[in-house]
Amino acid sequence: MSRPLRCLLIHPGASWSTADVEAGLRFGLKAHGVEVIPYRLDERIDKSGSELFYRWRQQRKGRPDLPKPDGRMVNYQASEGAIAMALRHQVDVVVVVSAMFFHPDVIVMLKRAGFPVTV
C-alpha cells in the first residue's frame, strides 16, 4: 500500500484574506487524502522579528553603528525553516500560498533540493 501524497503547505504570513485561502486549501487537500504538513509563516515572522530585534538591541550597546534588522532579514529567517521541514517530512510538493512574505531565496533552495514548488 502506498503512502498518501505529502504536501508542505506554507501559510501566507498574513492574517487577512490570504489566510482564508490557505485554510480552505488545507481543508480541501485533507479531504482528498493528502497528508498536509503546515508551515505557519505568520507565527515564524512574529518570532523571528522579536528575536532579531532583541539581539539587535543587545548588540548595539557595544556597536552603536550596527544596522537595524529589516523586513527582508525577518522574512528570510522566518522562511528558511521550510527547507528543513520539507526534508524532514520527505514531502512530495511544496505549496506556497501567497509568497509576499516568503523569501524568494528559500524557494530557489527548495527547488535545488529537488522539491516541486508552486505558489
PDB file of N, CA and C in Angstrom:
ATOM      1  N   MET A   1       0.844  -1.178   0.000  1.00  0.00           N
ATOM      2  CA  MET A   1       0.000   0.000   0.000  1.00  0.00           C
ATOM      3  C   MET A   1       0.886   1.237   0.000  1.00  0.00           C
ATOM      4  N   SER A   2       0.608   2.164  -0.884  1.00  0.00           N
ATOM      5  CA  SER A   2       1.441   3.360  -0.981  1.00  0.00           C
ATOM      6  C   SER A   2       0.969   4.418   0.016  1.00  0.00           C
ATOM      7  N   ARG A   3       1.889   5.273   0.384  1.00  0.00           N
ATOM      8  CA  ARG A   3       1.550   6.339   1.328  1.00  0.00           C
ATOM      9  C   ARG A   3       0.851   7.473   0.590  1.00  0.00           C
ATOM     10  N   PRO A   4       0.087   8.273   1.326  1.00  0.00           N
ATOM     11  CA  PRO A   4      -0.602   9.405   0.671  1.00  0.00           C
ATOM     12  C   PRO A   4       0.407  10.474   0.247  1.00  0.00           C
ATOM     13  N   LEU A   5      -0.007  11.306  -0.681  1.00  0.00           N
ATOM     14  CA  LEU A   5       0.799  12.441  -1.105  1.00  0.00           C
ATOM     15  C   LEU A   5       1.041  13.342   0.096  1.00  0.00           C
ATOM     16  N   ARG A   6       2.289  13.798   0.257  1.00  0.00           N
ATOM     17  CA  ARG A   6       2.632  14.703   1.355  1.00  0.00           C
ATOM     18  C   ARG A   6       2.898  16.088   0.794  1.00  0.00           C
ATOM     19  N   CYS A   7       2.248  17.070   1.390  1.00  0.00           N
ATOM     20  CA  CYS A   7       2.356  18.449   0.922  1.00  0.00           C
ATOM     21  C   CYS A   7       2.776  19.348   2.076  1.00  0.00           C
ATOM     22  N   LEU A   8       3.853  20.102   1.864  1.00  0.00           N
ATOM     23  CA  LEU A   8       4.222  21.152   2.811  1.00  0.00           C
ATOM     24  C   LEU A   8       3.453  22.397   2.380  1.00  0.00           C
ATOM     25  N   LEU A   9       2.525  22.835   3.209  1.00  0.00           N
ATOM     26  CA  LEU A   9       1.661  23.961   2.886  1.00  0.00           C
ATOM     27  C   LEU A   9       2.140  25.184   3.654  1.00  0.00           C
ATOM     28  N   ILE A  10       2.652  26.166   2.910  1.00  0.00           N
ATOM     29  CA  ILE A  10       3.227  27.364   3.519  1.00  0.00           C
ATOM     30  C   ILE A  10       2.132  28.407   3.719  1.00  0.00           C
ATOM     31  N   HIS A  11       1.899  28.773   4.960  1.00  0.00           N
ATOM     32  CA  HIS A  11       0.938  29.818   5.300  1.00  0.00           C
ATOM     33  C   HIS A  11       1.408  31.137   4.685  1.00  0.00           C
ATOM     34  N   PRO A  12       0.482  32.017   4.277  1.00  0.00           N
ATOM     35  CA  PRO A  12       0.890  33.254   3.598  1.00  0.00           C
ATOM     36  C   PRO A  12       1.619  34.259   4.476  1.00  0.00           C
ATOM     37  N   GLY A  13       1.572  34.115   5.780  1.00  0.00           N
ATOM     38  CA  GLY A  13       2.252  35.063   6.646  1.00  0.00           C
ATOM     39  C   GLY A  13       1.371  36.231   7.039  1.00  0.00           C
ATOM     40  N   ALA A  14       0.250  36.399   6.395  1.00  0.00           N
ATOM     41  CA  ALA A  14      -0.689  37.470   6.701  1.00  0.00           C
ATOM     42  C   ALA A  14      -1.946  36.867   7.316  1.00  0.00           C
ATOM     43  N   SER A  15      -2.657  37.671   8.085  1.00  0.00           N
ATOM     44  CA  SER A  15      -3.847  37.137   8.760  1.00  0.00           C
ATOM     45  C   SER A  15      -5.145  37.591   8.109  1.00  0.00           C
ATOM     46  N   TRP A  16      -5.071  38.127   6.912  1.00  0.00           N
ATOM     47  CA  TRP A  16      -6.297  38.549   6.235  1.00  0.00           C
ATOM     48  C   TRP A  16      -6.715  37.531   5.188  1.00  0.00           C
ATOM     49  N   SER A  17      -7.279  37.940   4.086  1.00  0.00           N
ATOM     50  CA  SER A  17      -7.956  37.035   3.154  1.00  0.00           C
ATOM     51  C   SER A  17      -7.084  35.893   2.648  1.00  0.00           C
ATOM     52  N   THR A  18      -5.779  36.119   2.476  1.00  0.00           N
ATOM     53  CA  THR A  18      -4.934  35.015   2.006  1.00  0.00           C
ATOM     54  C   THR A  18      -4.852  33.893   3.037  1.00  0.00           C
ATOM     55  N   ALA A  19      -5.015  34.222   4.301  1.00  0.00           N
ATOM     56  CA  ALA A  19      -5.054  33.180   5.337  1.00  0.00           C
ATOM     57  C   ALA A  19      -6.306  32.319   5.177  1.00  0.00           C
ATOM     58  N   ASP A  20      -7.405  32.934   4.754  1.00  0.00           N
ATOM     59  CA  ASP A  20      -8.634  32.169   4.483  1.00  0.00           C
ATOM     60  C   ASP A  20      -8.425  31.220   3.301  1.00  0.00           C
ATOM     61  N   VAL A  21      -7.690  31.672   2.305  1.00  0.00           N
ATOM     62  CA  VAL A  21      -7.377  30.818   1.155  1.00  0.00           C
ATOM     63  C   VAL A  21      -6.570  29.605   1.614  1.00  0.00           C
ATOM     64  N   GLU A  22      -5.573  29.843   2.466  1.00  0.00           N
ATOM     65  CA  GLU A  22      -4.755  28.737   2.985  1.00  0.00           C
ATOM     66  C   GLU A  22      -5.608  27.753   3.773  1.00  0.00           C
ATOM     67  N   ALA A  23      -6.496  28.266   4.604  1.00  0.00           N
ATOM     68  CA  ALA A  23      -7.359  27.387   5.409  1.00  0.00           C
ATOM     69  C   ALA A  23      -8.255  26.529   4.513  1.00  0.00           C
ATOM     70  N   GLY A  24      -8.825  27.133   3.475  1.00  0.00           N
ATOM     71  CA  GLY A  24      -9.670  26.381   2.553  1.00  0.00           C
ATOM     72  C   GLY A  24      -8.888  25.354   1.764  1.00  0.00           C
ATOM     73  N   LEU A  25      -7.698  25.729   1.336  1.00  0.00           N
ATOM     74  CA  LEU A  25      -6.844  24.804   0.592  1.00  0.00           C
ATOM     75  C   LEU A  25      -6.431  23.627   1.472  1.00  0.00           C
ATOM     76  N   ARG A  26      -6.060  23.922   2.717  1.00  0.00           N
ATOM     77  CA  ARG A  26      -5.684  22.862   3.663  1.00  0.00           C
ATOM     78  C   ARG A  26      -6.843  21.887   3.857  1.00  0.00           C
ATOM     79  N   PHE A  27      -8.048  22.423   4.056  1.00  0.00           N
ATOM     80  CA  PHE A  27      -9.230  21.586   4.238  1.00  0.00           C
ATOM     81  C   PHE A  27      -9.472  20.710   3.012  1.00  0.00           C
ATOM     82  N   GLY A  28      -9.405  21.315   1.829  1.00  0.00           N
ATOM     83  CA  GLY A  28      -9.649  20.567   0.596  1.00  0.00           C
ATOM     84  C   GLY A  28      -8.622  19.485   0.343  1.00  0.00           C
ATOM     85  N   LEU A  29      -7.358  19.803   0.586  1.00  0.00           N
ATOM     86  CA  LEU A  29      -6.302  18.799   0.393  1.00  0.00           C
ATOM     87  C   LEU A  29      -6.503  17.610   1.334  1.00  0.00           C
ATOM     88  N   LYS A  30      -6.772  17.909   2.601  1.00  0.00           N
ATOM     89  CA  LYS A  30      -7.001  16.831   3.572  1.00  0.00           C
ATOM     90  C   LYS A  30      -8.224  15.997   3.196  1.00  0.00           C
ATOM     91  N   ALA A  31      -9.272  16.656   2.710  1.00  0.00           N
ATOM     92  CA  ALA A  31     -10.492  15.946   2.317  1.00  0.00           C
ATOM     93  C   ALA A  31     -10.236  14.991   1.162  1.00  0.00           C
ATOM     94  N   HIS A  32      -9.204  15.268   0.369  1.00  0.00           N
ATOM     95  CA  HIS A  32      -8.858  14.400  -0.759  1.00  0.00           C
ATOM     96  C   HIS A  32      -7.714  13.441  -0.431  1.00  0.00           C
ATOM     97  N   GLY A  33      -7.421  13.291   0.848  1.00  0.00           N
ATOM     98  CA  GLY A  33      -6.465  12.281   1.274  1.00  0.00           C
ATOM     99  C   GLY A  33      -5.001  12.704   1.259  1.00  0.00           C
ATOM    100  N   VAL A  34      -4.737  13.983   1.080  1.00  0.00           N
ATOM    101  CA  VAL A  34      -3.360  14.469   1.077  1.00  0.00           C
ATOM    102  C   VAL A  34      -2.918  14.687   2.516  1.00  0.00           C
ATOM    103  N   GLU A  35      -1.725  14.233   2.848  1.00  0.00           N
ATOM    104  CA  GLU A  35      -1.150  14.498   4.162  1.00  0.00           C
ATOM    105  C   GLU A  35      -0.544  15.899   4.115  1.00  0.00           C
ATOM    106  N   VAL A  36      -1.110  16.815   4.877  1.00  0.00           N
ATOM    107  CA  VAL A  36      -0.684  18.214   4.857  1.00  0.00           C
ATOM    108  C   VAL A  36       0.201  18.504   6.067  1.00  0.00           C
ATOM    109  N   ILE A  37       1.387  19.005   5.791  1.00  0.00           N
ATOM    110  CA  ILE A  37       2.293  19.454   6.833  1.00  0.00           C
ATOM    111  C   ILE A  37       2.259  20.975   6.795  1.00  0.00           C
ATOM    112  N   PRO A  38       1.686  21.611   7.815  1.00  0.00           N
ATOM    113  CA  PRO A  38       1.562  23.069   7.783  1.00  0.00           C
ATOM    114  C   PRO A  38       2.861  23.756   8.193  1.00  0.00           C
ATOM    115  N   TYR A  39       3.169  24.849   7.525  1.00  0.00           N
ATOM    116  CA  TYR A  39       4.302  25.703   7.879  1.00  0.00           C
ATOM    117  C   TYR A  39       3.730  27.078   8.174  1.00  0.00           C
ATOM    118  N   ARG A  40       3.615  27.412   9.457  1.00  0.00           N
ATOM    119  CA  ARG A  40       2.951  28.643   9.891  1.00  0.00           C
ATOM    120  C   ARG A  40       3.908  29.833   9.782  1.00  0.00           C
ATOM    121  N   LEU A  41       3.945  30.424   8.614  1.00  0.00           N
ATOM    122  CA  LEU A  41       4.835  31.550   8.368  1.00  0.00           C
ATOM    123  C   LEU A  41       4.482  32.750   9.240  1.00  0.00           C
ATOM    124  N   ASP A  42       3.208  32.958   9.518  1.00  0.00           N
ATOM    125  CA  ASP A  42       2.801  34.102  10.344  1.00  0.00           C
ATOM    126  C   ASP A  42       3.421  34.035  11.736  1.00  0.00           C
ATOM    127  N   GLU A  43       3.361  32.874  12.356  1.00  0.00           N
ATOM    128  CA  GLU A  43       3.939  32.700  13.691  1.00  0.00           C
ATOM    129  C   GLU A  43       5.458  32.829  13.646  1.00  0.00           C
ATOM    130  N   ARG A  44       6.065  32.315  12.585  1.00  0.00           N
ATOM    131  CA  ARG A  44       7.514  32.382  12.453  1.00  0.00           C
ATOM    132  C   ARG A  44       7.998  33.810  12.195  1.00  0.00           C
ATOM    133  N   ILE A  45       7.212  34.602  11.476  1.00  0.00           N
ATOM    134  CA  ILE A  45       7.575  36.010  11.256  1.00  0.00           C
ATOM    135  C   ILE A  45       7.564  36.749  12.596  1.00  0.00           C
ATOM    136  N   ASP A  46       6.536  36.531  13.386  1.00  0.00           N
ATOM    137  CA  ASP A  46       6.468  37.175  14.703  1.00  0.00           C
ATOM    138  C   ASP A  46       7.667  36.796  15.561  1.00  0.00           C
ATOM    139  N   LYS A  47       7.967  35.507  15.608  1.00  0.00           N
ATOM    140  CA  LYS A  47       9.081  35.031  16.435  1.00  0.00           C
ATOM    141  C   LYS A  47      10.423  35.551  15.912  1.00  0.00           C
ATOM    142  N   SER A  48      10.622  35.502  14.604  1.00  0.00           N
ATOM    143  CA  SER A  48      11.880  35.972  14.023  1.00  0.00           C
ATOM    144  C   SER A  48      12.067  37.464  14.252  1.00  0.00           C
ATOM    145  N   GLY A  49      11.006  38.240  14.071  1.00  0.00           N
ATOM    146  CA  GLY A  49      11.088  39.675  14.303  1.00  0.00           C
ATOM    147  C   GLY A  49      11.464  39.983  15.735  1.00  0.00           C
ATOM    148  N   SER A  50      10.811  39.330  16.678  1.00  0.00           N
ATOM    149  CA  SER A  50      11.121  39.548  18.096  1.00  0.00           C
ATOM    150  C   SER A  50      12.564  39.173  18.413  1.00  0.00           C
ATOM    151  N   GLU A  51      12.991  38.035  17.888  1.00  0.00           N
ATOM    152  CA  GLU A  51      14.350  37.556  18.162  1.00  0.00           C
ATOM    153  C   GLU A  51      15.412  38.469  17.548  1.00  0.00           C
ATOM    154  N   LEU A  52      15.222  38.841  16.291  1.00  0.00           N
ATOM    155  CA  LEU A  52      16.218  39.690  15.631  1.00  0.00           C
ATOM    156  C   LEU A  52      16.302  41.070  16.275  1.00  0.00           C
ATOM    157  N   PHE A  53      15.169  41.652  16.624  1.00  0.00           N
ATOM    158  CA  PHE A  53      15.191  42.972  17.253  1.00  0.00           C
ATOM    159  C   PHE A  53      15.752  42.905  18.669  1.00  0.00           C
ATOM    160  N   TYR A  54      15.478  41.830  19.390  1.00  0.00           N
ATOM    161  CA  TYR A  54      16.063  41.661  20.724  1.00  0.00           C
ATOM    162  C   TYR A  54      17.597  41.587  20.625  1.00  0.00           C
ATOM    163  N   ARG A  55      18.089  40.748  19.716  1.00  0.00           N
ATOM    164  CA  ARG A  55      19.546  40.620  19.552  1.00  0.00           C
ATOM    165  C   ARG A  55      20.178  41.938  19.112  1.00  0.00           C
ATOM    166  N   TRP A  56      19.482  42.663  18.223  1.00  0.00           N
ATOM    167  CA  TRP A  56      19.992  43.950  17.757  1.00  0.00           C
ATOM    168  C   TRP A  56      20.108  44.940  18.919  1.00  0.00           C
ATOM    169  N   ARG A  57      19.069  45.004  19.763  1.00  0.00           N
ATOM    170  CA  ARG A  57      19.107  45.924  20.913  1.00  0.00           C
ATOM    171  C   ARG A  57      20.241  45.568  21.866  1.00  0.00           C
ATOM    172  N   GLN A  58      20.476  44.266  22.056  1.00  0.00           N
ATOM    173  CA  GLN A  58      21.556  43.845  22.944  1.00  0.00           C
ATOM    174  C   GLN A  58      22.931  44.170  22.361  1.00  0.00           C
ATOM    175  N   GLN A  59      23.112  43.912  21.074  1.00  0.00           N
ATOM    176  CA  GLN A  59      24.420  44.077  20.436  1.00  0.00           C
ATOM    177  C   GLN A  59      24.767  45.523  20.138  1.00  0.00           C
ATOM    178  N   ARG A  60      23.789  46.370  19.938  1.00  0.00           N
ATOM    179  CA  ARG A  60      24.101  47.763  19.592  1.00  0.00           C
ATOM    180  C   ARG A  60      24.657  48.535  20.775  1.00  0.00           C
ATOM    181  N   LYS A  61      24.536  47.985  21.981  1.00  0.00           N
ATOM    182  CA  LYS A  61      25.139  48.633  23.147  1.00  0.00           C
ATOM    183  C   LYS A  61      26.645  48.743  22.966  1.00  0.00           C
ATOM    184  N   GLY A  62      27.240  47.719  22.405  1.00  0.00           N
ATOM    185  CA  GLY A  62      28.679  47.723  22.145  1.00  0.00           C
ATOM    186  C   GLY A  62      29.035  48.146  20.732  1.00  0.00           C
ATOM    187  N   ARG A  63      28.037  48.147  19.861  1.00  0.00           N
ATOM    188  CA  ARG A  63      28.251  48.513  18.447  1.00  0.00           C
ATOM    189  C   ARG A  63      27.120  49.442  17.997  1.00  0.00           C
ATOM    190  N   PRO A  64      27.214  50.722  18.329  1.00  0.00           N
ATOM    191  CA  PRO A  64      26.112  51.643  18.013  1.00  0.00           C
ATOM    192  C   PRO A  64      25.839  51.809  16.521  1.00  0.00           C
ATOM    193  N   ASP A  65      26.793  51.445  15.677  1.00  0.00           N
ATOM    194  CA  ASP A  65      26.605  51.570  14.223  1.00  0.00           C
ATOM    195  C   ASP A  65      25.953  50.335  13.597  1.00  0.00           C
ATOM    196  N   LEU A  66      25.614  49.345  14.407  1.00  0.00           N
ATOM    197  CA  LEU A  66      25.015  48.105  13.901  1.00  0.00           C
ATOM    198  C   LEU A  66      23.667  48.418  13.242  1.00  0.00           C
ATOM    199  N   PRO A  67      23.483  48.004  11.968  1.00  0.00           N
ATOM    200  CA  PRO A  67      22.211  48.320  11.298  1.00  0.00           C
ATOM    201  C   PRO A  67      21.032  47.568  11.920  1.00  0.00           C
ATOM    202  N   LYS A  68      19.907  48.249  11.935  1.00  0.00           N
ATOM    203  CA  LYS A  68      18.671  47.678  12.473  1.00  0.00           C
ATOM    204  C   LYS A  68      18.146  46.608  11.513  1.00  0.00           C
ATOM    205  N   PRO A  69      17.642  45.493  12.046  1.00  0.00           N
ATOM    206  CA  PRO A  69      17.075  44.461  11.169  1.00  0.00           C
ATOM    207  C   PRO A  69      15.910  45.029  10.359  1.00  0.00           C
ATOM    208  N   ASP A  70      15.779  44.544   9.132  1.00  0.00           N
ATOM    209  CA  ASP A  70      14.673  44.996   8.290  1.00  0.00           C
ATOM    210  C   ASP A  70      13.769  43.811   7.942  1.00  0.00           C
ATOM    211  N   GLY A  71      12.708  44.094   7.200  1.00  0.00           N
ATOM    212  CA  GLY A  71      11.735  43.068   6.842  1.00  0.00           C
ATOM    213  C   GLY A  71      12.321  41.909   6.061  1.00  0.00           C
ATOM    214  N   ARG A  72      13.304  42.203   5.209  1.00  0.00           N
ATOM    215  CA  ARG A  72      13.921  41.111   4.433  1.00  0.00           C
ATOM    216  C   ARG A  72      14.627  40.117   5.344  1.00  0.00           C
ATOM    217  N   MET A  73      15.325  40.639   6.372  1.00  0.00           N
ATOM    218  CA  MET A  73      16.023  39.756   7.309  1.00  0.00           C
ATOM    219  C   MET A  73      15.026  38.905   8.100  1.00  0.00           C
ATOM    220  N   VAL A  74      13.966  39.549   8.545  1.00  0.00           N
ATOM    221  CA  VAL A  74      12.940  38.839   9.311  1.00  0.00           C
ATOM    222  C   VAL A  74      12.290  37.761   8.449  1.00  0.00           C
ATOM    223  N   ASN A  75      11.914  38.112   7.226  1.00  0.00           N
ATOM    224  CA  ASN A  75      11.253  37.150   6.345  1.00  0.00           C
ATOM    225  C   ASN A  75      12.173  36.005   5.962  1.00  0.00           C
ATOM    226  N   TYR A  76      13.458  36.285   5.764  1.00  0.00           N
ATOM    227  CA  TYR A  76      14.386  35.203   5.437  1.00  0.00           C
ATOM    228  C   TYR A  76      14.475  34.214   6.591  1.00  0.00           C
ATOM    229  N   GLN A  77      14.691  34.740   7.800  1.00  0.00           N
ATOM    230  CA  GLN A  77      14.808  33.851   8.955  1.00  0.00           C
ATOM    231  C   GLN A  77      13.514  33.068   9.187  1.00  0.00           C
ATOM    232  N   ALA A  78      12.379  33.709   8.953  1.00  0.00           N
ATOM    233  CA  ALA A  78      11.091  33.028   9.135  1.00  0.00           C
ATOM    234  C   ALA A  78      10.853  31.953   8.078  1.00  0.00           C
ATOM    235  N   SER A  79      11.420  32.148   6.900  1.00  0.00           N
ATOM    236  CA  SER A  79      11.172  31.243   5.769  1.00  0.00           C
ATOM    237  C   SER A  79      12.115  30.049   5.713  1.00  0.00           C
ATOM    238  N   GLU A  80      13.353  30.233   6.159  1.00  0.00           N
ATOM    239  CA  GLU A  80      14.378  29.214   5.921  1.00  0.00           C
ATOM    240  C   GLU A  80      14.098  27.859   6.564  1.00  0.00           C
ATOM    241  N   GLY A  81      13.287  27.826   7.607  1.00  0.00           N
ATOM    242  CA  GLY A  81      12.954  26.551   8.244  1.00  0.00           C
ATOM    243  C   GLY A  81      12.134  25.630   7.359  1.00  0.00           C
ATOM    244  N   ALA A  82      11.551  26.169   6.296  1.00  0.00           N
ATOM    245  CA  ALA A  82      10.749  25.345   5.382  1.00  0.00           C
ATOM    246  C   ALA A  82      11.609  24.285   4.695  1.00  0.00           C
ATOM    247  N   ILE A  83      12.874  24.600   4.463  1.00  0.00           N
ATOM    248  CA  ILE A  83      13.767  23.634   3.811  1.00  0.00           C
ATOM    249  C   ILE A  83      13.944  22.411   4.712  1.00  0.00           C
ATOM    250  N   ALA A  84      14.258  22.657   5.972  1.00  0.00           N
ATOM    251  CA  ALA A  84      14.442  21.550   6.916  1.00  0.00           C
ATOM    252  C   ALA A  84      13.150  20.759   7.091  1.00  0.00           C
ATOM    253  N   MET A  85      12.024  21.457   7.147  1.00  0.00           N
ATOM    254  CA  MET A  85      10.748  20.768   7.330  1.00  0.00           C
ATOM    255  C   MET A  85      10.416  19.896   6.120  1.00  0.00           C
ATOM    256  N   ALA A  86      10.671  20.419   4.917  1.00  0.00           N
ATOM    257  CA  ALA A  86      10.414  19.632   3.701  1.00  0.00           C
ATOM    258  C   ALA A  86      11.292  18.385   3.674  1.00  0.00           C
ATOM    259  N   LEU A  87      12.532  18.533   4.055  1.00  0.00           N
ATOM    260  CA  LEU A  87      13.444  17.381   4.078  1.00  0.00           C
ATOM    261  C   LEU A  87      13.064  16.397   5.177  1.00  0.00           C
ATOM    262  N   ARG A  88      12.741  16.904   6.352  1.00  0.00           N
ATOM    263  CA  ARG A  88      12.400  16.039   7.490  1.00  0.00           C
ATOM    264  C   ARG A  88      11.172  15.185   7.193  1.00  0.00           C
ATOM    265  N   HIS A  89      10.181  15.787   6.564  1.00  0.00           N
ATOM    266  CA  HIS A  89       8.925  15.072   6.297  1.00  0.00           C
ATOM    267  C   HIS A  89       8.889  14.409   4.921  1.00  0.00           C
ATOM    268  N   GLN A  90       9.950  14.556   4.148  1.00  0.00           N
ATOM    269  CA  GLN A  90      10.048  13.963   2.815  1.00  0.00           C
ATOM    270  C   GLN A  90       8.784  14.247   2.002  1.00  0.00           C
ATOM    271  N   VAL A  91       8.472  15.533   1.861  1.00  0.00           N
ATOM    272  CA  VAL A  91       7.250  15.912   1.156  1.00  0.00           C
ATOM    273  C   VAL A  91       7.388  15.691  -0.344  1.00  0.00           C
ATOM    274  N   ASP A  92       6.259  15.560  -0.988  1.00  0.00           N
ATOM    275  CA  ASP A  92       6.216  15.373  -2.439  1.00  0.00           C
ATOM    276  C   ASP A  92       6.095  16.700  -3.176  1.00  0.00           C
ATOM    277  N   VAL A  93       5.544  17.698  -2.506  1.00  0.00           N
ATOM    278  CA  VAL A  93       5.339  19.003  -3.127  1.00  0.00           C
ATOM    279  C   VAL A  93       5.301  20.073  -2.041  1.00  0.00           C
ATOM    280  N   VAL A  94       5.720  21.282  -2.400  1.00  0.00           N
ATOM    281  CA  VAL A  94       5.633  22.439  -1.507  1.00  0.00           C
ATOM    282  C   VAL A  94       4.685  23.437  -2.167  1.00  0.00           C
ATOM    283  N   VAL A  95       3.653  23.832  -1.433  1.00  0.00           N
ATOM    284  CA  VAL A  95       2.686  24.813  -1.926  1.00  0.00           C
ATOM    285  C   VAL A  95       2.803  26.066  -1.064  1.00  0.00           C
ATOM    286  N   VAL A  96       3.155  27.182  -1.700  1.00  0.00           N
ATOM    287  CA  VAL A  96       3.279  28.466  -1.008  1.00  0.00           C
ATOM    288  C   VAL A  96       2.023  29.270  -1.329  1.00  0.00           C
ATOM    289  N   VAL A  97       1.227  29.551  -0.315  1.00  0.00           N
ATOM    290  CA  VAL A  97       0.013  30.341  -0.508  1.00  0.00           C
ATOM    291  C   VAL A  97       0.412  31.808  -0.352  1.00  0.00           C
ATOM    292  N   SER A  98       0.551  32.495  -1.450  1.00  0.00           N
ATOM    293  CA  SER A  98       0.979  33.893  -1.499  1.00  0.00           C
ATOM    294  C   SER A  98       2.404  34.030  -0.959  1.00  0.00           C
ATOM    295  N   ALA A  99       3.317  34.303  -1.842  1.00  0.00           N
ATOM    296  CA  ALA A  99       4.729  34.405  -1.459  1.00  0.00           C
ATOM    297  C   ALA A  99       5.141  35.834  -1.114  1.00  0.00           C
ATOM    298  N   MET A 100       4.198  36.665  -0.758  1.00  0.00           N
ATOM    299  CA  MET A 100       4.503  38.051  -0.454  1.00  0.00           C
ATOM    300  C   MET A 100       5.493  38.178   0.712  1.00  0.00           C
ATOM    301  N   PHE A 101       5.405  37.313   1.718  1.00  0.00           N
ATOM    302  CA  PHE A 101       6.283  37.372   2.874  1.00  0.00           C
ATOM    303  C   PHE A 101       7.251  36.186   2.941  1.00  0.00           C
ATOM    304  N   PHE A 102       7.167  35.275   1.984  1.00  0.00           N
ATOM    305  CA  PHE A 102       8.061  34.114   1.944  1.00  0.00           C
ATOM    306  C   PHE A 102       9.275  34.496   1.103  1.00  0.00           C
ATOM    307  N   HIS A 103      10.458  34.341   1.655  1.00  0.00           N
ATOM    308  CA  HIS A 103      11.661  34.834   0.983  1.00  0.00           C
ATOM    309  C   HIS A 103      11.943  34.048  -0.298  1.00  0.00           C
ATOM    310  N   PRO A 104      12.191  34.746  -1.418  1.00  0.00           N
ATOM    311  CA  PRO A 104      12.397  34.059  -2.704  1.00  0.00           C
ATOM    312  C   PRO A 104      13.633  33.163  -2.736  1.00  0.00           C
ATOM    313  N   ASP A 105      14.655  33.483  -1.957  1.00  0.00           N
ATOM    314  CA  ASP A 105      15.838  32.618  -1.919  1.00  0.00           C
ATOM    315  C   ASP A 105      15.495  31.223  -1.411  1.00  0.00           C
ATOM    316  N   VAL A 106      14.547  31.144  -0.505  1.00  0.00           N
ATOM    317  CA  VAL A 106      14.154  29.846   0.049  1.00  0.00           C
ATOM    318  C   VAL A 106      13.428  29.022  -1.006  1.00  0.00           C
ATOM    319  N   ILE A 107      12.641  29.665  -1.854  1.00  0.00           N
ATOM    320  CA  ILE A 107      12.001  28.945  -2.957  1.00  0.00           C
ATOM    321  C   ILE A 107      13.063  28.342  -3.866  1.00  0.00           C
ATOM    322  N   VAL A 108      14.093  29.115  -4.187  1.00  0.00           N
ATOM    323  CA  VAL A 108      15.192  28.629  -5.030  1.00  0.00           C
ATOM    324  C   VAL A 108      15.875  27.434  -4.366  1.00  0.00           C
ATOM    325  N   MET A 109      16.138  27.525  -3.059  1.00  0.00           N
ATOM    326  CA  MET A 109      16.814  26.418  -2.358  1.00  0.00           C
ATOM    327  C   MET A 109      15.936  25.170  -2.287  1.00  0.00           C
ATOM    328  N   LEU A 110      14.632  25.356  -2.109  1.00  0.00           N
ATOM    329  CA  LEU A 110      13.726  24.195  -2.108  1.00  0.00           C
ATOM    330  C   LEU A 110      13.772  23.488  -3.460  1.00  0.00           C
ATOM    331  N   LYS A 111      13.803  24.274  -4.544  1.00  0.00           N
ATOM    332  CA  LYS A 111      13.882  23.684  -5.877  1.00  0.00           C
ATOM    333  C   LYS A 111      15.212  22.978  -6.064  1.00  0.00           C
ATOM    334  N   ARG A 112      16.283  23.577  -5.594  1.00  0.00           N
ATOM    335  CA  ARG A 112      17.610  22.937  -5.691  1.00  0.00           C
ATOM    336  C   ARG A 112      17.653  21.630  -4.908  1.00  0.00           C
ATOM    337  N   ALA A 113      16.881  21.554  -3.840  1.00  0.00           N
ATOM    338  CA  ALA A 113      16.824  20.320  -3.043  1.00  0.00           C
ATOM    339  C   ALA A 113      15.945  19.261  -3.715  1.00  0.00           C
ATOM    340  N   GLY A 114      15.317  19.629  -4.841  1.00  0.00           N
ATOM    341  CA  GLY A 114      14.555  18.652  -5.607  1.00  0.00           C
ATOM    342  C   GLY A 114      13.056  18.654  -5.362  1.00  0.00           C
ATOM    343  N   PHE A 115      12.548  19.639  -4.625  1.00  0.00           N
ATOM    344  CA  PHE A 115      11.118  19.678  -4.347  1.00  0.00           C
ATOM    345  C   PHE A 115      10.385  20.481  -5.426  1.00  0.00           C
ATOM    346  N   PRO A 116       9.277  19.943  -5.935  1.00  0.00           N
ATOM    347  CA  PRO A 116       8.433  20.778  -6.793  1.00  0.00           C
ATOM    348  C   PRO A 116       7.797  21.852  -5.899  1.00  0.00           C
ATOM    349  N   VAL A 117       7.875  23.095  -6.332  1.00  0.00           N
ATOM    350  CA  VAL A 117       7.341  24.211  -5.557  1.00  0.00           C
ATOM    351  C   VAL A 117       6.342  24.957  -6.434  1.00  0.00           C
ATOM    352  N   THR A 118       5.189  25.241  -5.851  1.00  0.00           N
ATOM    353  CA  THR A 118       4.189  26.037  -6.559  1.00  0.00           C
ATOM    354  C   THR A 118       3.743  27.168  -5.639  1.00  0.00           C
ATOM    355  N   VAL A 119       3.448  28.295  -6.243  1.00  0.00           N
ATOM    356  CA  VAL A 119       2.998  29.461  -5.490  1.00  0.00           C
ATOM    357  C   VAL A 119       1.598  29.805  -5.953  1.00  0.00           C
TER     358      VAL A 119
END
